[in-house]
PDB file of N, CA and C in Angstrom:
ATOM      1  N   MET A   1      32.588 -40.592  13.777  1.00  0.00           N
ATOM      2  CA  MET A   1      31.354 -40.621  13.388  1.00  0.00           C
ATOM      3  C   MET A   1      30.369 -41.193  14.161  1.00  0.00           C
ATOM      4  N   THR A   2      29.049 -40.937  14.154  1.00  0.00           N
ATOM      5  CA  THR A   2      28.121 -41.604  15.032  1.00  0.00           C
ATOM      6  C   THR A   2      27.769 -42.911  14.380  1.00  0.00           C
ATOM      7  N   ASP A   3      27.305 -43.768  15.234  1.00  0.00           N
ATOM      8  CA  ASP A   3      26.864 -45.209  14.544  1.00  0.00           C
ATOM      9  C   ASP A   3      25.403 -44.973  14.368  1.00  0.00           C
ATOM     10  N   PRO A   4      25.096 -45.482  13.038  1.00  0.00           N
ATOM     11  CA  PRO A   4      23.713 -45.195  12.497  1.00  0.00           C
ATOM     12  C   PRO A   4      22.776 -46.155  13.191  1.00  0.00           C
ATOM     13  N   ALA A   5      23.190 -47.277  13.822  1.00  0.00           N
ATOM     14  CA  ALA A   5      22.530 -48.205  14.426  1.00  0.00           C
ATOM     15  C   ALA A   5      21.843 -47.689  15.774  1.00  0.00           C
ATOM     16  N   THR A   6      22.533 -46.740  16.512  1.00  0.00           N
ATOM     17  CA  THR A   6      22.202 -46.293  17.745  1.00  0.00           C
ATOM     18  C   THR A   6      21.200 -45.042  17.495  1.00  0.00           C
ATOM     19  N   ARG A   7      21.123 -44.440  16.335  1.00  0.00           N
ATOM     20  CA  ARG A   7      20.102 -43.439  16.126  1.00  0.00           C
ATOM     21  C   ARG A   7      18.861 -43.908  15.917  1.00  0.00           C
ATOM     22  N   PRO A   8      17.645 -43.230  16.414  1.00  0.00           N
ATOM     23  CA  PRO A   8      16.396 -43.717  16.074  1.00  0.00           C
ATOM     24  C   PRO A   8      15.924 -43.334  14.797  1.00  0.00           C
ATOM     25  N   PRO A   9      14.970 -43.965  14.050  1.00  0.00           N
ATOM     26  CA  PRO A   9      14.579 -43.676  12.874  1.00  0.00           C
ATOM     27  C   PRO A   9      14.006 -42.112  12.668  1.00  0.00           C
ATOM     28  N   ALA A  10      14.076 -41.559  11.576  1.00  0.00           N
ATOM     29  CA  ALA A  10      13.606 -40.322  11.389  1.00  0.00           C
ATOM     30  C   ALA A  10      12.185 -40.006  11.790  1.00  0.00           C
ATOM     31  N   ASP A  11      11.281 -40.855  11.522  1.00  0.00           N
ATOM     32  CA  ASP A  11       9.895 -40.763  11.937  1.00  0.00           C
ATOM     33  C   ASP A  11       9.756 -40.635  13.550  1.00  0.00           C
ATOM     34  N   GLU A  12      10.623 -41.519  14.154  1.00  0.00           N
ATOM     35  CA  GLU A  12      10.516 -41.462  15.721  1.00  0.00           C
ATOM     36  C   GLU A  12      11.185 -40.253  16.130  1.00  0.00           C
ATOM     37  N   GLU A  13      12.200 -39.638  15.450  1.00  0.00           N
ATOM     38  CA  GLU A  13      12.737 -38.227  15.999  1.00  0.00           C
ATOM     39  C   GLU A  13      11.719 -37.201  15.752  1.00  0.00           C
ATOM     40  N   TRP A  14      10.898 -37.203  14.590  1.00  0.00           N
ATOM     41  CA  TRP A  14       9.937 -36.170  14.477  1.00  0.00           C
ATOM     42  C   TRP A  14       8.739 -36.484  15.603  1.00  0.00           C
ATOM     43  N   GLY A  15       8.514 -37.532  15.770  1.00  0.00           N
ATOM     44  CA  GLY A  15       7.403 -37.708  16.714  1.00  0.00           C
ATOM     45  C   GLY A  15       7.821 -37.349  18.100  1.00  0.00           C
ATOM     46  N   ASN A  16       9.125 -37.464  18.517  1.00  0.00           N
ATOM     47  CA  ASN A  16       9.604 -37.122  19.766  1.00  0.00           C
ATOM     48  C   ASN A  16       9.554 -35.496  19.852  1.00  0.00           C
ATOM     49  N   LEU A  17      10.032 -34.923  18.752  1.00  0.00           N
ATOM     50  CA  LEU A  17      10.028 -33.496  18.761  1.00  0.00           C
ATOM     51  C   LEU A  17       8.642 -32.862  18.819  1.00  0.00           C
ATOM     52  N   LEU A  18       7.634 -33.505  18.086  1.00  0.00           N
ATOM     53  CA  LEU A  18       6.307 -32.937  18.200  1.00  0.00           C
ATOM     54  C   LEU A  18       5.636 -33.104  19.597  1.00  0.00           C
ATOM     55  N   ARG A  19       5.949 -34.248  20.172  1.00  0.00           N
ATOM     56  CA  ARG A  19       5.514 -34.565  21.598  1.00  0.00           C
ATOM     57  C   ARG A  19       5.985 -33.519  22.603  1.00  0.00           C
ATOM     58  N   GLN A  20       7.229 -33.129  22.339  1.00  0.00           N
ATOM     59  CA  GLN A  20       7.957 -32.114  23.285  1.00  0.00           C
ATOM     60  C   GLN A  20       7.288 -30.844  23.151  1.00  0.00           C
ATOM     61  N   TRP A  21       7.047 -30.433  21.901  1.00  0.00           N
ATOM     62  CA  TRP A  21       6.231 -29.147  21.599  1.00  0.00           C
ATOM     63  C   TRP A  21       4.865 -29.097  22.233  1.00  0.00           C
ATOM     64  N   ARG A  22       4.103 -30.386  22.150  1.00  0.00           N
ATOM     65  CA  ARG A  22       2.809 -30.353  22.638  1.00  0.00           C
ATOM     66  C   ARG A  22       2.837 -30.249  24.095  1.00  0.00           C
ATOM     67  N   ASN A  23       3.853 -30.833  24.780  1.00  0.00           N
ATOM     68  CA  ASN A  23       3.917 -30.842  26.197  1.00  0.00           C
ATOM     69  C   ASN A  23       4.339 -29.368  26.770  1.00  0.00           C
ATOM     70  N   GLN A  24       4.910 -28.470  26.044  1.00  0.00           N
ATOM     71  CA  GLN A  24       5.227 -27.244  26.542  1.00  0.00           C
ATOM     72  C   GLN A  24       4.049 -26.417  26.977  1.00  0.00           C
ATOM     73  N   PRO A  25       4.066 -25.672  28.018  1.00  0.00           N
ATOM     74  CA  PRO A  25       2.882 -24.807  28.427  1.00  0.00           C
ATOM     75  C   PRO A  25       2.815 -23.605  27.248  1.00  0.00           C
ATOM     76  N   SER A  26       1.526 -23.326  27.067  1.00  0.00           N
ATOM     77  CA  SER A  26       1.339 -22.205  26.019  1.00  0.00           C
ATOM     78  C   SER A  26       1.816 -20.840  26.642  1.00  0.00           C
ATOM     79  N   ALA A  27       2.364 -20.041  25.799  1.00  0.00           N
ATOM     80  CA  ALA A  27       2.914 -18.796  26.184  1.00  0.00           C
ATOM     81  C   ALA A  27       1.856 -17.878  26.626  1.00  0.00           C
ATOM     82  N   GLN A  28       2.129 -17.016  27.542  1.00  0.00           N
ATOM     83  CA  GLN A  28       1.109 -16.031  28.047  1.00  0.00           C
ATOM     84  C   GLN A  28       1.721 -14.688  28.014  1.00  0.00           C
ATOM     85  N   PRO A  29       1.002 -13.625  27.630  1.00  0.00           N
ATOM     86  CA  PRO A  29       1.574 -12.320  27.430  1.00  0.00           C
ATOM     87  C   PRO A  29       1.784 -11.854  28.912  1.00  0.00           C
ATOM     88  N   ARG A  30       2.808 -10.792  29.017  1.00  0.00           N
ATOM     89  CA  ARG A  30       2.944 -10.298  30.195  1.00  0.00           C
ATOM     90  C   ARG A  30       1.914  -9.416  30.796  1.00  0.00           C
ATOM     91  N   PRO A  31       1.751  -9.017  32.011  1.00  0.00           N
ATOM     92  CA  PRO A  31       0.782  -8.403  32.459  1.00  0.00           C
ATOM     93  C   PRO A  31       0.549  -7.086  31.769  1.00  0.00           C
ATOM     94  N   PHE A  32      -0.675  -6.514  31.534  1.00  0.00           N
ATOM     95  CA  PHE A  32      -0.883  -5.312  30.883  1.00  0.00           C
ATOM     96  C   PHE A  32      -0.362  -5.170  29.489  1.00  0.00           C
ATOM     97  N   PHE A  33      -0.128  -6.149  28.847  1.00  0.00           N
ATOM     98  CA  PHE A  33       0.378  -6.244  27.500  1.00  0.00           C
ATOM     99  C   PHE A  33      -0.453  -5.453  26.457  1.00  0.00           C
ATOM    100  N   TYR A  34      -1.877  -5.783  26.434  1.00  0.00           N
ATOM    101  CA  TYR A  34      -2.737  -5.212  25.518  1.00  0.00           C
ATOM    102  C   TYR A  34      -2.875  -3.711  25.829  1.00  0.00           C
ATOM    103  N   SER A  35      -2.944  -3.340  27.113  1.00  0.00           N
ATOM    104  CA  SER A  35      -3.094  -1.814  27.379  1.00  0.00           C
ATOM    105  C   SER A  35      -1.933  -1.078  27.128  1.00  0.00           C
ATOM    106  N   ARG A  36      -0.633  -1.715  27.113  1.00  0.00           N
ATOM    107  CA  ARG A  36       0.530  -0.902  26.601  1.00  0.00           C
ATOM    108  C   ARG A  36       0.545  -0.791  25.038  1.00  0.00           C
ATOM    109  N   VAL A  37       0.003  -1.866  24.469  1.00  0.00           N
ATOM    110  CA  VAL A  37      -0.005  -1.834  23.011  1.00  0.00           C
ATOM    111  C   VAL A  37      -1.044  -0.799  22.462  1.00  0.00           C
ATOM    112  N   ARG A  38      -2.204  -0.727  23.218  1.00  0.00           N
ATOM    113  CA  ARG A  38      -3.235   0.227  22.744  1.00  0.00           C
ATOM    114  C   ARG A  38      -2.752   1.668  23.140  1.00  0.00           C
ATOM    115  N   ALA A  39      -1.988   1.958  24.171  1.00  0.00           N
ATOM    116  CA  ALA A  39      -1.317   3.263  24.411  1.00  0.00           C
ATOM    117  C   ALA A  39      -0.374   3.665  23.406  1.00  0.00           C
ATOM    118  N   ARG A  40       0.515   2.782  22.976  1.00  0.00           N
ATOM    119  CA  ARG A  40       1.402   3.050  21.801  1.00  0.00           C
ATOM    120  C   ARG A  40       0.644   3.352  20.672  1.00  0.00           C
ATOM    121  N   LEU A  41      -0.432   2.678  20.128  1.00  0.00           N
ATOM    122  CA  LEU A  41      -1.146   3.000  18.997  1.00  0.00           C
ATOM    123  C   LEU A  41      -1.780   4.366  19.108  1.00  0.00           C
ATOM    124  N   VAL A  42      -2.457   4.694  20.197  1.00  0.00           N
ATOM    125  CA  VAL A  42      -2.953   5.994  20.318  1.00  0.00           C
ATOM    126  C   VAL A  42      -2.023   7.214  20.305  1.00  0.00           C
ATOM    127  N   VAL A  43      -0.890   6.923  20.824  1.00  0.00           N
ATOM    128  CA  VAL A  43       0.183   8.000  20.655  1.00  0.00           C
ATOM    129  C   VAL A  43       0.768   8.132  19.246  1.00  0.00           C
ATOM    130  N   LYS A  44       0.884   6.993  18.583  1.00  0.00           N
ATOM    131  CA  LYS A  44       1.215   7.011  17.195  1.00  0.00           C
ATOM    132  C   LYS A  44       0.214   7.635  16.289  1.00  0.00           C
ATOM    133  N   VAL A  45      -1.122   7.405  16.523  1.00  0.00           N
ATOM    134  CA  VAL A  45      -1.958   8.108  15.717  1.00  0.00           C
ATOM    135  C   VAL A  45      -2.300   9.549  15.952  1.00  0.00           C
ATOM    136  N   THR A  46      -1.910   9.939  17.186  1.00  0.00           N
ATOM    137  CA  THR A  46      -1.981  11.371  17.497  1.00  0.00           C
ATOM    138  C   THR A  46      -0.815  12.126  16.950  1.00  0.00           C
ATOM    139  N   ALA A  47       0.349  11.301  16.926  1.00  0.00           N
ATOM    140  CA  ALA A  47       1.649  11.989  16.502  1.00  0.00           C
ATOM    141  C   ALA A  47       1.636  12.081  14.776  1.00  0.00           C
ATOM    142  N   ASP A  48       0.833  11.157  14.120  1.00  0.00           N
ATOM    143  CA  ASP A  48       0.949  11.175  12.742  1.00  0.00           C
ATOM    144  C   ASP A  48      -0.217  12.212  12.250  1.00  0.00           C
ATOM    145  N   ARG A  49      -0.580  13.119  12.791  1.00  0.00           N
ATOM    146  CA  ARG A  49      -1.528  14.072  12.395  1.00  0.00           C
ATOM    147  C   ARG A  49      -0.896  14.709  11.112  1.00  0.00           C
ATOM    148  N   GLN A  50      -1.721  15.220  10.139  1.00  0.00           N
ATOM    149  CA  GLN A  50      -1.298  15.801   9.058  1.00  0.00           C
ATOM    150  C   GLN A  50      -0.902  17.230   9.409  1.00  0.00           C
ATOM    151  N   PRO A  51       0.219  17.792   8.623  1.00  0.00           N
ATOM    152  CA  PRO A  51       0.620  19.058   8.980  1.00  0.00           C
ATOM    153  C   PRO A  51      -0.405  20.240   8.701  1.00  0.00           C
ATOM    154  N   LEU A  52      -1.202  20.130   7.546  1.00  0.00           N
ATOM    155  CA  LEU A  52      -2.092  20.980   7.246  1.00  0.00           C
ATOM    156  C   LEU A  52      -3.522  20.506   7.317  1.00  0.00           C
ATOM    157  N   PRO A  53      -4.445  21.427   7.600  1.00  0.00           N
ATOM    158  CA  PRO A  53      -5.853  21.014   7.709  1.00  0.00           C
ATOM    159  C   PRO A  53      -6.373  20.643   6.230  1.00  0.00           C
ATOM    160  N   THR A  54      -7.352  19.875   6.155  1.00  0.00           N
ATOM    161  CA  THR A  54      -7.910  19.487   4.821  1.00  0.00           C
ATOM    162  C   THR A  54      -8.247  20.831   3.986  1.00  0.00           C
ATOM    163  N   TRP A  55      -9.079  21.691   4.595  1.00  0.00           N
ATOM    164  CA  TRP A  55      -9.476  22.772   3.832  1.00  0.00           C
ATOM    165  C   TRP A  55      -8.354  23.616   3.323  1.00  0.00           C
ATOM    166  N   LEU A  56      -7.204  23.573   3.864  1.00  0.00           N
ATOM    167  CA  LEU A  56      -6.175  24.363   3.242  1.00  0.00           C
ATOM    168  C   LEU A  56      -5.467  23.733   2.125  1.00  0.00           C
ATOM    169  N   ARG A  57      -5.662  22.438   1.949  1.00  0.00           N
ATOM    170  CA  ARG A  57      -5.108  21.689   0.794  1.00  0.00           C
ATOM    171  C   ARG A  57      -6.051  21.832  -0.418  1.00  0.00           C
ATOM    172  N   TRP A  58      -7.320  22.087  -0.253  1.00  0.00           N
ATOM    173  CA  TRP A  58      -8.103  22.157  -1.441  1.00  0.00           C
ATOM    174  C   TRP A  58      -7.713  23.046  -2.577  1.00  0.00           C
ATOM    175  N   PRO A  59      -7.156  24.164  -2.506  1.00  0.00           N
ATOM    176  CA  PRO A  59      -6.784  25.036  -3.587  1.00  0.00           C
ATOM    177  C   PRO A  59      -5.668  24.261  -4.383  1.00  0.00           C
ATOM    178  N   SER A  60      -4.702  23.461  -3.776  1.00  0.00           N
ATOM    179  CA  SER A  60      -3.736  22.758  -4.331  1.00  0.00           C
ATOM    180  C   SER A  60      -4.393  21.573  -5.159  1.00  0.00           C
ATOM    181  N   TYR A  61      -5.288  20.916  -4.614  1.00  0.00           N
ATOM    182  CA  TYR A  61      -6.088  19.978  -5.395  1.00  0.00           C
ATOM    183  C   TYR A  61      -6.596  20.529  -6.768  1.00  0.00           C
ATOM    184  N   ALA A  62      -7.306  21.553  -6.594  1.00  0.00           N
ATOM    185  CA  ALA A  62      -7.856  22.244  -7.718  1.00  0.00           C
ATOM    186  C   ALA A  62      -6.814  22.651  -8.810  1.00  0.00           C
ATOM    187  N   ALA A  63      -5.729  23.194  -8.320  1.00  0.00           N
ATOM    188  CA  ALA A  63      -4.533  23.646  -9.249  1.00  0.00           C
ATOM    189  C   ALA A  63      -4.035  22.242  -9.829  1.00  0.00           C
ATOM    190  N   MET A  64      -3.849  21.240  -9.182  1.00  0.00           N
ATOM    191  CA  MET A  64      -3.380  19.984  -9.756  1.00  0.00           C
ATOM    192  C   MET A  64      -4.434  19.391 -10.897  1.00  0.00           C
ATOM    193  N   LEU A  65      -5.710  19.543 -10.627  1.00  0.00           N
ATOM    194  CA  LEU A  65      -6.639  19.036 -11.509  1.00  0.00           C
ATOM    195  C   LEU A  65      -6.531  19.883 -12.799  1.00  0.00           C
ATOM    196  N   ILE A  66      -6.424  21.228 -12.733  1.00  0.00           N
ATOM    197  CA  ILE A  66      -6.345  22.058 -13.831  1.00  0.00           C
ATOM    198  C   ILE A  66      -4.979  21.745 -14.752  1.00  0.00           C
ATOM    199  N   ILE A  67      -4.048  21.501 -13.994  1.00  0.00           N
ATOM    200  CA  ILE A  67      -2.660  21.162 -14.728  1.00  0.00           C
ATOM    201  C   ILE A  67      -2.863  19.850 -15.445  1.00  0.00           C
ATOM    202  N   VAL A  68      -3.435  18.852 -14.798  1.00  0.00           N
ATOM    203  CA  VAL A  68      -3.730  17.629 -15.470  1.00  0.00           C
ATOM    204  C   VAL A  68      -4.602  17.707 -16.741  1.00  0.00           C
ATOM    205  N   LEU A  69      -5.767  18.481 -16.389  1.00  0.00           N
ATOM    206  CA  LEU A  69      -6.582  18.577 -17.689  1.00  0.00           C
ATOM    207  C   LEU A  69      -5.846  19.323 -18.871  1.00  0.00           C
ATOM    208  N   LEU A  70      -5.147  20.387 -18.441  1.00  0.00           N
ATOM    209  CA  LEU A  70      -4.394  21.074 -19.496  1.00  0.00           C
ATOM    210  C   LEU A  70      -3.357  20.263 -20.203  1.00  0.00           C
ATOM    211  N   LEU A  71      -2.673  19.412 -19.576  1.00  0.00           N
ATOM    212  CA  LEU A  71      -1.503  18.735 -20.169  1.00  0.00           C
ATOM    213  C   LEU A  71      -2.028  17.330 -20.759  1.00  0.00           C
ATOM    214  N   SER A  72      -3.195  16.880 -20.389  1.00  0.00           N
ATOM    215  CA  SER A  72      -3.645  15.620 -20.988  1.00  0.00           C
ATOM    216  C   SER A  72      -4.410  15.729 -22.336  1.00  0.00           C
ATOM    217  N   GLY A  73      -4.621  16.988 -22.640  1.00  0.00           N
ATOM    218  CA  GLY A  73      -5.435  17.283 -23.828  1.00  0.00           C
ATOM    219  C   GLY A  73      -4.613  16.586 -25.145  1.00  0.00           C
ATOM    220  N   ASP A  74      -5.377  16.532 -26.226  1.00  0.00           N
ATOM    221  CA  ASP A  74      -4.788  15.996 -27.526  1.00  0.00           C
ATOM    222  C   ASP A  74      -4.138  17.161 -28.368  1.00  0.00           C
ATOM    223  N   GLY A  75      -4.264  18.279 -27.890  1.00  0.00           N
ATOM    224  CA  GLY A  75      -3.714  19.529 -28.623  1.00  0.00           C
ATOM    225  C   GLY A  75      -4.673  20.095 -29.592  1.00  0.00           C
ATOM    226  N   ALA A  76      -5.967  19.598 -29.459  1.00  0.00           N
ATOM    227  CA  ALA A  76      -6.914  20.088 -30.559  1.00  0.00           C
ATOM    228  C   ALA A  76      -7.581  21.428 -29.723  1.00  0.00           C
ATOM    229  N   THR A  77      -7.516  22.442 -30.603  1.00  0.00           N
ATOM    230  CA  THR A  77      -8.146  23.703 -30.039  1.00  0.00           C
ATOM    231  C   THR A  77      -9.356  23.921 -31.044  1.00  0.00           C
ATOM    232  N   PRO A  78     -10.413  24.719 -30.503  1.00  0.00           N
ATOM    233  CA  PRO A  78     -11.524  25.086 -31.381  1.00  0.00           C
ATOM    234  C   PRO A  78     -11.047  25.802 -32.545  1.00  0.00           C
ATOM    235  N   ARG A  79     -11.624  25.537 -33.558  1.00  0.00           N
ATOM    236  CA  ARG A  79     -11.275  26.288 -34.796  1.00  0.00           C
ATOM    237  C   ARG A  79     -12.224  27.383 -35.253  1.00  0.00           C
ATOM    238  N   SER A  80     -11.748  28.361 -35.854  1.00  0.00           N
ATOM    239  CA  SER A  80     -12.755  29.407 -36.322  1.00  0.00           C
ATOM    240  C   SER A  80     -13.452  28.869 -37.575  1.00  0.00           C
ATOM    241  N   ALA A  81     -14.512  29.580 -38.065  1.00  0.00           N
ATOM    242  CA  ALA A  81     -15.172  29.195 -39.168  1.00  0.00           C
ATOM    243  C   ALA A  81     -14.470  29.422 -40.469  1.00  0.00           C
ATOM    244  N   GLU A  82     -13.664  30.428 -40.425  1.00  0.00           N
ATOM    245  CA  GLU A  82     -12.767  30.705 -41.619  1.00  0.00           C
ATOM    246  C   GLU A  82     -11.805  29.611 -41.870  1.00  0.00           C
ATOM    247  N   SER A  83     -11.063  29.331 -40.692  1.00  0.00           N
ATOM    248  CA  SER A  83     -10.077  28.144 -40.968  1.00  0.00           C
ATOM    249  C   SER A  83     -10.604  26.849 -41.353  1.00  0.00           C
ATOM    250  N   SER A  84     -11.752  26.568 -40.857  1.00  0.00           N
ATOM    251  CA  SER A  84     -12.302  25.241 -41.242  1.00  0.00           C
ATOM    252  C   SER A  84     -12.947  25.192 -42.693  1.00  0.00           C
ATOM    253  N   GLN A  85     -13.259  26.444 -43.277  1.00  0.00           N
ATOM    254  CA  GLN A  85     -13.755  26.373 -44.630  1.00  0.00           C
ATOM    255  C   GLN A  85     -12.570  26.144 -45.687  1.00  0.00           C
ATOM    256  N   SER A  86     -11.377  26.622 -45.204  1.00  0.00           N
ATOM    257  CA  SER A  86     -10.166  26.739 -46.048  1.00  0.00           C
ATOM    258  C   SER A  86      -9.591  25.492 -46.197  1.00  0.00           C
ATOM    259  N   GLN A  87      -9.918  24.507 -45.156  1.00  0.00           N
ATOM    260  CA  GLN A  87      -9.356  23.214 -45.181  1.00  0.00           C
ATOM    261  C   GLN A  87     -10.205  22.038 -45.959  1.00  0.00           C
ATOM    262  N   LEU A  88     -11.329  22.529 -46.566  1.00  0.00           N
ATOM    263  CA  LEU A  88     -12.204  21.650 -47.243  1.00  0.00           C
ATOM    264  C   LEU A  88     -11.545  21.144 -48.445  1.00  0.00           C
ATOM    265  N   TYR A  89     -11.841  19.814 -48.740  1.00  0.00           N
ATOM    266  CA  TYR A  89     -11.161  19.273 -49.821  1.00  0.00           C
ATOM    267  C   TYR A  89     -12.070  19.411 -51.124  1.00  0.00           C
ATOM    268  N   LEU A  90     -11.662  20.252 -51.791  1.00  0.00           N
ATOM    269  CA  LEU A  90     -12.379  20.691 -53.005  1.00  0.00           C
ATOM    270  C   LEU A  90     -11.589  20.283 -54.281  1.00  0.00           C
ATOM    271  N   PRO A  91     -12.126  19.736 -55.242  1.00  0.00           N
ATOM    272  CA  PRO A  91     -11.273  19.457 -56.456  1.00  0.00           C
ATOM    273  C   PRO A  91     -10.838  20.740 -57.037  1.00  0.00           C
ATOM    274  N   THR A  92      -9.672  20.848 -57.444  1.00  0.00           N
ATOM    275  CA  THR A  92      -9.070  22.014 -58.113  1.00  0.00           C
ATOM    276  C   THR A  92      -8.938  21.688 -59.680  1.00  0.00           C
ATOM    277  N   ASP A  93      -9.117  22.741 -60.341  1.00  0.00           N
ATOM    278  CA  ASP A  93      -9.066  22.417 -61.911  1.00  0.00           C
ATOM    279  C   ASP A  93      -7.508  22.504 -62.352  1.00  0.00           C
TER     280      ASP A  93
END
């Protein structure tokens, strides 16, 4: 085992480590790094084009809206005048 008397205190170890990090030169990107990144982004954006033009998807949007409206109703349908009169609550003898 190591002798605890020869080890520096924890605060001193942390101080040494932080001094080493401060003395390191700051990292610099390789030449033309940003132009390579920009080129990759441009290629990715052009490759991610949608398969169909927007105007070709409009009928499907309209169909989905109609389906949602039909299925989200509460089941109420307009009643005729005859059926609404027969459902009046009139006292019976």
